[in-house]
Amino acid sequence: MILSIASGKGGTGKTLIAANIAISVGGNIQLLDCDVEEPNLHLLLHPKVVSEETVYSMVPSVNEELCDHCGRCSSFCSYKALFVTPMKILVFPELCHGCGSCILACPKKAINEGKRIVGVLKRGYKNSIELIYGELKIGERMTTLLIREVKNISVEMRKMLLSTPHPVHPVRWSKLLGEATSASS
């Protein structure tokens, strides 16, 4: 069973509702705090954190010696994360979505996978409640990657309760996390 607590704005009490439902249901339950920008469930539950994992996103690393400045990488990038000049390639990691299309587009194989820290994934326990949450690095905008990692660590066969970020559109949320039953606040 998957239950998702969602709302169109912040401050409606999703975190409080999710914590209370998890405590009331009891038993073997996973509680996923998907509000990676400001996760607060750990503040209410005070879990014992048993694991922390740094989450990275792919970012292009350019070998200037191999690059002929043809511009294919830049024109192929939908997010404009690369800018090619006749003398140098500028990489804007904050715009990069980590898709790797620039690597595929480069005929000289001058671009390799680098990585940048997006945030931290944490897992903890409070009695029979397992809490999984992500903490986005300050200034980072790529929330989707960290939310996906929170979801990927979950176990489908258990009761699962999701506290969603705000604002969340139901169609976008269902595509990111799969089928779920939503309770709106």
N, C-alpha and C. Protein backbone atom coordinates (compact mmCIF):
# COMPACT_ATOMS: atom_id res chain seq x y z
N MET A 1 0.84 -1.17 0.00
CA MET A 1 0.00 0.00 0.00
C MET A 1 0.89 1.24 0.00
N ILE A 2 0.56 2.19 -0.86
CA ILE A 2 1.27 3.46 -0.91
C ILE A 2 0.25 4.57 -0.68
N LEU A 3 0.53 5.43 0.27
CA LEU A 3 -0.31 6.59 0.54
C LEU A 3 0.56 7.82 0.42
N SER A 4 0.10 8.78 -0.37
CA SER A 4 0.85 10.01 -0.59
C SER A 4 0.08 11.20 -0.02
N ILE A 5 0.77 12.00 0.79
CA ILE A 5 0.17 13.21 1.35
C ILE A 5 0.67 14.39 0.51
N ALA A 6 -0.24 15.04 -0.22
CA ALA A 6 0.16 16.09 -1.16
C ALA A 6 -0.70 17.34 -0.97
N SER A 7 -0.15 18.46 -1.42
CA SER A 7 -0.87 19.73 -1.37
C SER A 7 -0.28 20.66 -2.41
N GLY A 8 -1.02 21.68 -2.76
CA GLY A 8 -0.56 22.63 -3.75
C GLY A 8 0.32 23.74 -3.20
N LYS A 9 0.48 23.80 -1.88
CA LYS A 9 1.30 24.86 -1.30
C LYS A 9 1.92 24.39 0.00
N GLY A 10 2.88 25.16 0.47
CA GLY A 10 3.53 24.83 1.73
C GLY A 10 2.73 25.33 2.91
N GLY A 11 3.03 24.80 4.08
CA GLY A 11 2.40 25.27 5.30
C GLY A 11 1.02 24.73 5.57
N THR A 12 0.61 23.67 4.86
CA THR A 12 -0.73 23.12 5.05
C THR A 12 -0.77 21.98 6.06
N GLY A 13 0.39 21.52 6.52
CA GLY A 13 0.42 20.48 7.54
C GLY A 13 0.70 19.08 7.02
N LYS A 14 1.24 18.95 5.82
CA LYS A 14 1.53 17.62 5.26
C LYS A 14 2.47 16.82 6.15
N THR A 15 3.51 17.47 6.65
CA THR A 15 4.50 16.79 7.48
C THR A 15 3.86 16.27 8.77
N LEU A 16 3.06 17.08 9.41
CA LEU A 16 2.39 16.69 10.65
C LEU A 16 1.42 15.53 10.41
N ILE A 17 0.67 15.63 9.33
CA ILE A 17 -0.28 14.56 8.98
C ILE A 17 0.47 13.26 8.70
N ALA A 18 1.53 13.33 7.91
CA ALA A 18 2.30 12.14 7.56
C ALA A 18 2.90 11.49 8.81
N ALA A 19 3.46 12.28 9.71
CA ALA A 19 4.06 11.73 10.94
C ALA A 19 2.99 11.07 11.80
N ASN A 20 1.85 11.70 11.94
CA ASN A 20 0.79 11.13 12.77
C ASN A 20 0.19 9.86 12.17
N ILE A 21 0.03 9.82 10.87
CA ILE A 21 -0.47 8.59 10.23
C ILE A 21 0.53 7.46 10.43
N ALA A 22 1.82 7.75 10.23
CA ALA A 22 2.85 6.72 10.40
C ALA A 22 2.85 6.17 11.82
N ILE A 23 2.73 7.04 12.81
CA ILE A 23 2.70 6.60 14.21
C ILE A 23 1.42 5.81 14.50
N SER A 24 0.30 6.25 13.95
CA SER A 24 -0.99 5.58 14.18
C SER A 24 -1.06 4.21 13.54
N VAL A 25 -0.56 4.10 12.31
CA VAL A 25 -0.61 2.83 11.58
C VAL A 25 0.31 1.82 12.25
N GLY A 26 1.49 2.29 12.67
CA GLY A 26 2.45 1.41 13.34
C GLY A 26 2.88 0.26 12.43
N GLY A 27 3.46 -0.72 13.03
CA GLY A 27 3.92 -1.87 12.25
C GLY A 27 5.09 -1.52 11.37
N ASN A 28 5.28 -2.30 10.40
CA ASN A 28 6.42 -2.20 9.49
C ASN A 28 6.10 -1.18 8.40
N ILE A 29 6.47 0.08 8.60
CA ILE A 29 6.11 1.13 7.65
C ILE A 29 7.33 1.95 7.24
N GLN A 30 7.35 2.32 5.98
CA GLN A 30 8.38 3.23 5.47
C GLN A 30 7.75 4.60 5.30
N LEU A 31 8.45 5.60 5.78
CA LEU A 31 7.99 6.98 5.66
C LEU A 31 9.02 7.72 4.82
N LEU A 32 8.61 8.21 3.65
CA LEU A 32 9.51 8.89 2.74
C LEU A 32 9.22 10.38 2.76
N ASP A 33 10.19 11.19 3.19
CA ASP A 33 10.05 12.64 3.17
C ASP A 33 10.66 13.12 1.86
N CYS A 34 9.80 13.38 0.89
CA CYS A 34 10.25 13.76 -0.45
C CYS A 34 10.39 15.26 -0.63
N ASP A 35 10.20 16.00 0.42
CA ASP A 35 10.44 17.45 0.38
C ASP A 35 11.92 17.67 0.65
N VAL A 36 12.75 17.41 -0.35
CA VAL A 36 14.21 17.42 -0.18
C VAL A 36 14.77 18.83 0.04
N GLU A 37 14.01 19.85 -0.30
CA GLU A 37 14.47 21.22 -0.05
C GLU A 37 14.39 21.57 1.43
N GLU A 38 13.36 21.09 2.09
CA GLU A 38 13.18 21.34 3.52
C GLU A 38 12.55 20.13 4.19
N PRO A 39 13.29 19.03 4.32
CA PRO A 39 12.72 17.86 4.99
C PRO A 39 12.55 18.14 6.48
N ASN A 40 11.37 17.83 7.00
CA ASN A 40 11.09 18.14 8.40
C ASN A 40 10.63 16.94 9.21
N LEU A 41 10.34 15.81 8.57
CA LEU A 41 9.85 14.66 9.32
C LEU A 41 10.85 14.19 10.38
N HIS A 42 12.13 14.31 10.07
CA HIS A 42 13.13 13.90 11.06
C HIS A 42 13.12 14.78 12.30
N LEU A 43 12.65 16.02 12.15
CA LEU A 43 12.55 16.92 13.30
C LEU A 43 11.43 16.49 14.25
N LEU A 44 10.38 15.88 13.70
CA LEU A 44 9.26 15.42 14.52
C LEU A 44 9.52 14.04 15.13
N LEU A 45 10.16 13.17 14.36
CA LEU A 45 10.33 11.78 14.79
C LEU A 45 11.64 11.49 15.52
N HIS A 46 12.66 12.29 15.28
CA HIS A 46 13.99 12.08 15.88
C HIS A 46 14.49 10.65 15.66
N PRO A 47 14.61 10.21 14.39
CA PRO A 47 15.06 8.84 14.15
C PRO A 47 16.56 8.68 14.42
N LYS A 48 16.97 7.45 14.62
CA LYS A 48 18.39 7.15 14.71
C LYS A 48 18.85 6.92 13.26
N VAL A 49 19.67 7.84 12.76
CA VAL A 49 20.14 7.74 11.37
C VAL A 49 21.21 6.65 11.30
N VAL A 50 20.96 5.66 10.41
CA VAL A 50 21.88 4.53 10.29
C VAL A 50 22.72 4.59 9.02
N SER A 51 22.30 5.40 8.05
CA SER A 51 23.12 5.53 6.84
C SER A 51 22.93 6.89 6.19
N GLU A 52 24.02 7.36 5.62
CA GLU A 52 24.03 8.61 4.84
C GLU A 52 24.80 8.34 3.56
N GLU A 53 24.26 8.78 2.45
CA GLU A 53 24.90 8.55 1.16
C GLU A 53 24.86 9.85 0.35
N THR A 54 26.00 10.26 -0.15
CA THR A 54 26.07 11.44 -0.99
C THR A 54 25.50 11.10 -2.37
N VAL A 55 24.66 11.99 -2.89
CA VAL A 55 24.04 11.80 -4.21
C VAL A 55 24.69 12.77 -5.18
N TYR A 56 25.10 12.23 -6.32
CA TYR A 56 25.79 13.02 -7.34
C TYR A 56 24.96 13.09 -8.61
N SER A 57 25.23 14.13 -9.39
CA SER A 57 24.69 14.25 -10.74
C SER A 57 25.86 14.29 -11.71
N MET A 58 25.66 13.72 -12.87
CA MET A 58 26.69 13.78 -13.90
C MET A 58 26.80 15.21 -14.41
N VAL A 59 28.03 15.65 -14.63
CA VAL A 59 28.29 16.97 -15.21
C VAL A 59 29.45 16.78 -16.19
N PRO A 60 29.41 17.44 -17.34
CA PRO A 60 30.48 17.24 -18.32
C PRO A 60 31.84 17.75 -17.86
N SER A 61 32.85 16.98 -18.19
CA SER A 61 34.24 17.37 -17.95
C SER A 61 34.92 17.36 -19.31
N VAL A 62 35.41 18.52 -19.74
CA VAL A 62 35.94 18.68 -21.10
C VAL A 62 37.46 18.58 -21.10
N ASN A 63 37.97 17.74 -21.99
CA ASN A 63 39.41 17.65 -22.23
C ASN A 63 39.73 18.63 -23.36
N GLU A 64 40.27 19.78 -23.01
CA GLU A 64 40.53 20.85 -23.98
C GLU A 64 41.54 20.42 -25.06
N GLU A 65 42.41 19.49 -24.75
CA GLU A 65 43.41 19.03 -25.74
C GLU A 65 42.77 18.24 -26.87
N LEU A 66 41.67 17.54 -26.59
CA LEU A 66 40.98 16.77 -27.63
C LEU A 66 39.92 17.58 -28.36
N CYS A 67 39.43 18.62 -27.72
CA CYS A 67 38.32 19.40 -28.26
C CYS A 67 38.77 20.27 -29.44
N ASP A 68 37.96 20.26 -30.52
CA ASP A 68 38.25 21.12 -31.67
C ASP A 68 37.27 22.30 -31.74
N HIS A 69 36.45 22.48 -30.70
CA HIS A 69 35.51 23.60 -30.57
C HIS A 69 34.48 23.65 -31.71
N CYS A 70 34.03 22.48 -32.13
CA CYS A 70 33.05 22.41 -33.22
C CYS A 70 31.67 22.90 -32.79
N GLY A 71 31.35 22.82 -31.51
CA GLY A 71 30.08 23.32 -30.99
C GLY A 71 28.94 22.32 -31.00
N ARG A 72 29.19 21.09 -31.41
CA ARG A 72 28.10 20.10 -31.45
C ARG A 72 27.53 19.83 -30.06
N CYS A 73 28.40 19.78 -29.06
CA CYS A 73 27.94 19.53 -27.69
C CYS A 73 26.98 20.62 -27.24
N SER A 74 27.33 21.85 -27.52
CA SER A 74 26.53 22.99 -27.11
C SER A 74 25.19 23.02 -27.83
N SER A 75 25.19 22.77 -29.12
CA SER A 75 23.93 22.80 -29.87
C SER A 75 23.04 21.61 -29.53
N PHE A 76 23.63 20.51 -29.07
CA PHE A 76 22.85 19.33 -28.71
C PHE A 76 22.24 19.43 -27.31
N CYS A 77 22.83 20.27 -26.46
CA CYS A 77 22.38 20.39 -25.06
C CYS A 77 21.10 21.21 -24.98
N SER A 78 20.03 20.58 -24.55
CA SER A 78 18.73 21.25 -24.42
C SER A 78 18.69 22.28 -23.31
N TYR A 79 19.62 22.18 -22.36
CA TYR A 79 19.59 23.04 -21.18
C TYR A 79 20.62 24.17 -21.24
N LYS A 80 21.34 24.26 -22.35
CA LYS A 80 22.34 25.33 -22.55
C LYS A 80 23.40 25.35 -21.45
N ALA A 81 23.83 24.15 -21.04
CA ALA A 81 24.83 24.03 -19.99
C ALA A 81 26.26 24.15 -20.52
N LEU A 82 26.41 24.20 -21.84
CA LEU A 82 27.73 24.36 -22.46
C LEU A 82 27.71 25.54 -23.41
N PHE A 83 28.79 26.31 -23.38
CA PHE A 83 28.94 27.43 -24.30
C PHE A 83 30.32 27.31 -24.93
N VAL A 84 30.35 27.24 -26.26
CA VAL A 84 31.61 27.03 -26.97
C VAL A 84 32.07 28.33 -27.60
N THR A 85 33.33 28.68 -27.32
CA THR A 85 33.98 29.82 -27.96
C THR A 85 35.08 29.24 -28.85
N PRO A 86 35.69 30.04 -29.72
CA PRO A 86 36.77 29.51 -30.55
C PRO A 86 37.98 29.02 -29.74
N MET A 87 38.10 29.45 -28.51
CA MET A 87 39.28 29.09 -27.70
C MET A 87 38.97 28.17 -26.51
N LYS A 88 37.72 28.14 -26.07
CA LYS A 88 37.41 27.42 -24.83
C LYS A 88 35.94 27.01 -24.78
N ILE A 89 35.67 25.97 -23.98
CA ILE A 89 34.28 25.57 -23.69
C ILE A 89 33.99 25.94 -22.24
N LEU A 90 32.90 26.63 -22.06
CA LEU A 90 32.45 26.97 -20.70
C LEU A 90 31.35 26.00 -20.30
N VAL A 91 31.48 25.40 -19.14
CA VAL A 91 30.47 24.48 -18.61
C VAL A 91 29.77 25.16 -17.45
N PHE A 92 28.45 25.15 -17.48
CA PHE A 92 27.62 25.72 -16.41
C PHE A 92 26.95 24.56 -15.66
N PRO A 93 27.61 24.03 -14.64
CA PRO A 93 27.10 22.85 -13.94
C PRO A 93 25.70 23.03 -13.36
N GLU A 94 25.36 24.25 -12.95
CA GLU A 94 24.05 24.49 -12.35
C GLU A 94 22.91 24.38 -13.36
N LEU A 95 23.23 24.43 -14.66
CA LEU A 95 22.22 24.26 -15.70
C LEU A 95 22.13 22.82 -16.20
N CYS A 96 23.17 22.04 -15.95
CA CYS A 96 23.25 20.68 -16.46
C CYS A 96 22.26 19.76 -15.76
N HIS A 97 21.54 18.96 -16.54
CA HIS A 97 20.58 17.99 -16.00
C HIS A 97 21.16 16.59 -15.95
N GLY A 98 22.41 16.43 -16.34
CA GLY A 98 23.08 15.14 -16.23
C GLY A 98 22.63 14.09 -17.23
N CYS A 99 22.11 14.50 -18.37
CA CYS A 99 21.58 13.54 -19.34
C CYS A 99 22.66 12.85 -20.16
N GLY A 100 23.82 13.49 -20.31
CA GLY A 100 24.93 12.90 -21.06
C GLY A 100 24.85 13.09 -22.56
N SER A 101 23.92 13.88 -23.05
CA SER A 101 23.79 14.07 -24.50
C SER A 101 25.02 14.74 -25.10
N CYS A 102 25.68 15.61 -24.34
CA CYS A 102 26.89 16.27 -24.83
C CYS A 102 28.01 15.26 -25.09
N ILE A 103 28.08 14.23 -24.27
CA ILE A 103 29.09 13.18 -24.43
C ILE A 103 28.85 12.43 -25.73
N LEU A 104 27.58 12.12 -25.99
CA LEU A 104 27.23 11.39 -27.22
C LEU A 104 27.44 12.25 -28.47
N ALA A 105 27.22 13.57 -28.34
CA ALA A 105 27.31 14.46 -29.50
C ALA A 105 28.75 14.78 -29.90
N CYS A 106 29.70 14.64 -29.00
CA CYS A 106 31.08 15.04 -29.27
C CYS A 106 31.78 14.04 -30.19
N PRO A 107 32.15 14.48 -31.41
CA PRO A 107 32.80 13.56 -32.35
C PRO A 107 34.26 13.24 -31.96
N LYS A 108 34.88 14.06 -31.15
CA LYS A 108 36.27 13.88 -30.75
C LYS A 108 36.42 13.15 -29.41
N LYS A 109 35.28 12.79 -28.81
CA LYS A 109 35.30 12.12 -27.49
C LYS A 109 36.07 12.95 -26.45
N ALA A 110 35.89 14.25 -26.51
CA ALA A 110 36.60 15.17 -25.62
C ALA A 110 35.83 15.43 -24.31
N ILE A 111 34.63 14.89 -24.21
CA ILE A 111 33.83 15.12 -23.00
C ILE A 111 33.65 13.81 -22.25
N ASN A 112 33.94 13.85 -20.97
CA ASN A 112 33.77 12.69 -20.10
C ASN A 112 32.81 13.04 -18.98
N GLU A 113 32.41 12.01 -18.24
CA GLU A 113 31.52 12.22 -17.10
C GLU A 113 32.28 12.72 -15.89
N GLY A 114 31.90 13.88 -15.42
CA GLY A 114 32.37 14.36 -14.13
C GLY A 114 31.19 14.23 -13.18
N LYS A 115 31.33 14.69 -11.96
CA LYS A 115 30.19 14.63 -11.06
C LYS A 115 30.20 15.81 -10.11
N ARG A 116 28.99 16.15 -9.65
CA ARG A 116 28.84 17.22 -8.67
C ARG A 116 27.84 16.74 -7.62
N ILE A 117 28.03 17.21 -6.43
CA ILE A 117 27.16 16.81 -5.32
C ILE A 117 25.82 17.52 -5.43
N VAL A 118 24.75 16.74 -5.34
CA VAL A 118 23.39 17.28 -5.37
C VAL A 118 22.82 17.36 -3.96
N GLY A 119 23.14 16.36 -3.13
CA GLY A 119 22.61 16.34 -1.78
C GLY A 119 23.01 15.06 -1.06
N VAL A 120 22.31 14.79 0.04
CA VAL A 120 22.59 13.62 0.87
C VAL A 120 21.30 12.85 1.08
N LEU A 121 21.39 11.54 0.99
CA LEU A 121 20.27 10.63 1.23
C LEU A 121 20.47 10.01 2.60
N LYS A 122 19.44 10.09 3.45
CA LYS A 122 19.56 9.57 4.81
C LYS A 122 18.47 8.55 5.10
N ARG A 123 18.84 7.57 5.93
CA ARG A 123 17.91 6.53 6.33
C ARG A 123 18.04 6.35 7.84
N GLY A 124 16.89 6.36 8.52
CA GLY A 124 16.90 6.21 9.96
C GLY A 124 15.67 5.48 10.45
N TYR A 125 15.67 5.14 11.73
CA TYR A 125 14.57 4.38 12.33
C TYR A 125 14.12 5.02 13.63
N LYS A 126 12.81 4.98 13.84
CA LYS A 126 12.20 5.36 15.10
C LYS A 126 11.17 4.27 15.39
N ASN A 127 11.50 3.41 16.34
CA ASN A 127 10.67 2.24 16.64
C ASN A 127 10.49 1.42 15.36
N SER A 128 9.25 1.19 14.93
CA SER A 128 9.03 0.36 13.74
C SER A 128 8.88 1.19 12.46
N ILE A 129 9.15 2.50 12.55
CA ILE A 129 9.04 3.38 11.39
C ILE A 129 10.43 3.59 10.78
N GLU A 130 10.54 3.30 9.50
CA GLU A 130 11.79 3.59 8.78
C GLU A 130 11.58 4.91 8.04
N LEU A 131 12.44 5.88 8.30
CA LEU A 131 12.34 7.18 7.64
C LEU A 131 13.47 7.31 6.63
N ILE A 132 13.09 7.66 5.40
CA ILE A 132 14.06 7.89 4.33
C ILE A 132 13.83 9.31 3.83
N TYR A 133 14.90 10.09 3.79
CA TYR A 133 14.75 11.47 3.34
C TYR A 133 16.04 11.97 2.70
N GLY A 134 15.90 12.99 1.88
CA GLY A 134 17.04 13.60 1.24
C GLY A 134 17.19 15.04 1.69
N GLU A 135 18.43 15.49 1.75
CA GLU A 135 18.70 16.90 2.06
C GLU A 135 19.45 17.49 0.87
N LEU A 136 18.79 18.37 0.15
CA LEU A 136 19.36 19.01 -1.02
C LEU A 136 20.48 19.96 -0.61
N LYS A 137 21.56 19.95 -1.37
CA LYS A 137 22.67 20.88 -1.11
C LYS A 137 22.16 22.31 -1.27
N ILE A 138 22.59 23.19 -0.39
CA ILE A 138 22.16 24.59 -0.44
C ILE A 138 22.54 25.19 -1.80
N GLY A 139 21.57 25.83 -2.44
CA GLY A 139 21.79 26.46 -3.75
C GLY A 139 21.51 25.53 -4.92
N GLU A 140 21.31 24.25 -4.65
CA GLU A 140 21.04 23.26 -5.72
C GLU A 140 19.59 23.37 -6.15
N ARG A 141 19.35 23.18 -7.46
CA ARG A 141 17.99 23.27 -7.99
C ARG A 141 17.44 21.94 -8.46
N MET A 142 18.28 20.93 -8.58
CA MET A 142 17.86 19.65 -9.16
C MET A 142 17.20 18.74 -8.12
N THR A 143 16.00 19.11 -7.70
CA THR A 143 15.30 18.34 -6.68
C THR A 143 14.88 16.96 -7.17
N THR A 144 14.53 16.85 -8.43
CA THR A 144 13.99 15.60 -8.98
C THR A 144 14.94 14.43 -8.80
N LEU A 145 16.22 14.64 -9.01
CA LEU A 145 17.20 13.56 -8.88
C LEU A 145 17.22 13.02 -7.45
N LEU A 146 17.22 13.88 -6.47
CA LEU A 146 17.27 13.45 -5.07
C LEU A 146 15.95 12.80 -4.66
N ILE A 147 14.82 13.32 -5.12
CA ILE A 147 13.52 12.70 -4.84
C ILE A 147 13.48 11.29 -5.41
N ARG A 148 13.99 11.12 -6.62
CA ARG A 148 14.03 9.80 -7.25
C ARG A 148 14.88 8.83 -6.43
N GLU A 149 15.99 9.32 -5.88
CA GLU A 149 16.84 8.46 -5.05
C GLU A 149 16.14 8.06 -3.75
N VAL A 150 15.37 8.98 -3.17
CA VAL A 150 14.58 8.64 -1.98
C VAL A 150 13.62 7.51 -2.32
N LYS A 151 12.95 7.62 -3.45
CA LYS A 151 11.99 6.60 -3.88
C LYS A 151 12.69 5.28 -4.20
N ASN A 152 13.85 5.33 -4.83
CA ASN A 152 14.55 4.11 -5.24
C ASN A 152 15.00 3.26 -4.07
N ILE A 153 15.24 3.87 -2.92
CA ILE A 153 15.71 3.11 -1.76
C ILE A 153 14.55 2.41 -1.04
N SER A 154 13.32 2.76 -1.39
CA SER A 154 12.16 2.18 -0.72
C SER A 154 11.92 0.74 -1.16
N VAL A 155 11.17 0.02 -0.33
CA VAL A 155 10.83 -1.38 -0.61
C VAL A 155 9.35 -1.44 -0.94
N GLU A 156 9.02 -1.89 -2.13
CA GLU A 156 7.64 -1.88 -2.61
C GLU A 156 6.68 -2.76 -1.82
N MET A 157 7.16 -3.80 -1.18
CA MET A 157 6.27 -4.74 -0.51
C MET A 157 5.80 -4.27 0.87
N ARG A 158 6.30 -3.13 1.33
CA ARG A 158 5.93 -2.63 2.64
C ARG A 158 4.89 -1.53 2.53
N LYS A 159 4.26 -1.23 3.65
CA LYS A 159 3.38 -0.06 3.69
C LYS A 159 4.26 1.17 3.53
N MET A 160 3.86 2.06 2.64
CA MET A 160 4.69 3.23 2.36
C MET A 160 3.84 4.48 2.46
N LEU A 161 4.38 5.48 3.13
CA LEU A 161 3.72 6.77 3.29
C LEU A 161 4.66 7.84 2.76
N LEU A 162 4.18 8.64 1.78
CA LEU A 162 5.01 9.67 1.15
C LEU A 162 4.53 11.05 1.55
N SER A 163 5.47 11.88 1.98
CA SER A 163 5.18 13.29 2.22
C SER A 163 5.81 14.05 1.06
N THR A 164 4.98 14.67 0.24
CA THR A 164 5.45 15.27 -1.01
C THR A 164 5.96 16.69 -0.81
N PRO A 165 6.79 17.16 -1.75
CA PRO A 165 7.19 18.57 -1.71
C PRO A 165 6.04 19.45 -2.16
N HIS A 166 6.18 20.74 -2.00
CA HIS A 166 5.15 21.66 -2.44
C HIS A 166 5.75 22.63 -3.44
N PRO A 167 5.07 23.20 -4.39
CA PRO A 167 3.77 22.69 -4.83
C PRO A 167 3.99 21.46 -5.71
N VAL A 168 3.04 20.59 -5.71
CA VAL A 168 3.17 19.37 -6.50
C VAL A 168 1.93 19.21 -7.38
N HIS A 169 2.16 18.97 -8.63
CA HIS A 169 1.08 18.71 -9.56
C HIS A 169 0.86 17.20 -9.59
N PRO A 170 -0.37 16.71 -9.44
CA PRO A 170 -0.62 15.27 -9.34
C PRO A 170 -0.07 14.45 -10.51
N VAL A 171 -0.15 14.97 -11.73
CA VAL A 171 0.36 14.22 -12.89
C VAL A 171 1.88 14.11 -12.83
N ARG A 172 2.55 15.21 -12.50
CA ARG A 172 4.01 15.20 -12.40
C ARG A 172 4.45 14.24 -11.29
N TRP A 173 3.77 14.29 -10.17
CA TRP A 173 4.13 13.45 -9.03
C TRP A 173 3.94 11.97 -9.37
N SER A 174 2.82 11.63 -10.04
CA SER A 174 2.58 10.23 -10.37
C SER A 174 3.60 9.71 -11.37
N LYS A 175 4.08 10.55 -12.28
CA LYS A 175 5.11 10.14 -13.22
C LYS A 175 6.43 9.90 -12.52
N LEU A 176 6.75 10.73 -11.53
CA LEU A 176 8.00 10.61 -10.81
C LEU A 176 8.02 9.39 -9.90
N LEU A 177 6.93 9.16 -9.20
CA LEU A 177 6.91 8.11 -8.18
C LEU A 177 6.10 6.87 -8.55
N GLY A 178 5.40 6.89 -9.66
CA GLY A 178 4.59 5.73 -10.01
C GLY A 178 3.21 5.85 -9.40
N GLU A 179 2.42 4.79 -9.50
CA GLU A 179 1.06 4.79 -8.99
C GLU A 179 1.05 4.99 -7.47
N ALA A 180 0.17 5.82 -7.00
CA ALA A 180 0.01 6.05 -5.57
C ALA A 180 -1.40 6.58 -5.31
N THR A 181 -1.87 6.36 -4.12
CA THR A 181 -3.14 6.92 -3.70
C THR A 181 -2.85 8.24 -3.03
N SER A 182 -3.51 9.31 -3.43
CA SER A 182 -3.21 10.63 -2.88
C SER A 182 -4.31 11.08 -1.91
N ALA A 183 -3.89 11.72 -0.83
CA ALA A 183 -4.78 12.40 0.10
C ALA A 183 -4.36 13.85 0.10
N SER A 184 -5.22 14.74 -0.33
CA SER A 184 -4.86 16.16 -0.41
C SER A 184 -5.20 16.87 0.88
N SER A 185 -4.35 17.84 1.23
CA SER A 185 -4.64 18.65 2.42
C SER A 185 -4.93 20.07 2.00
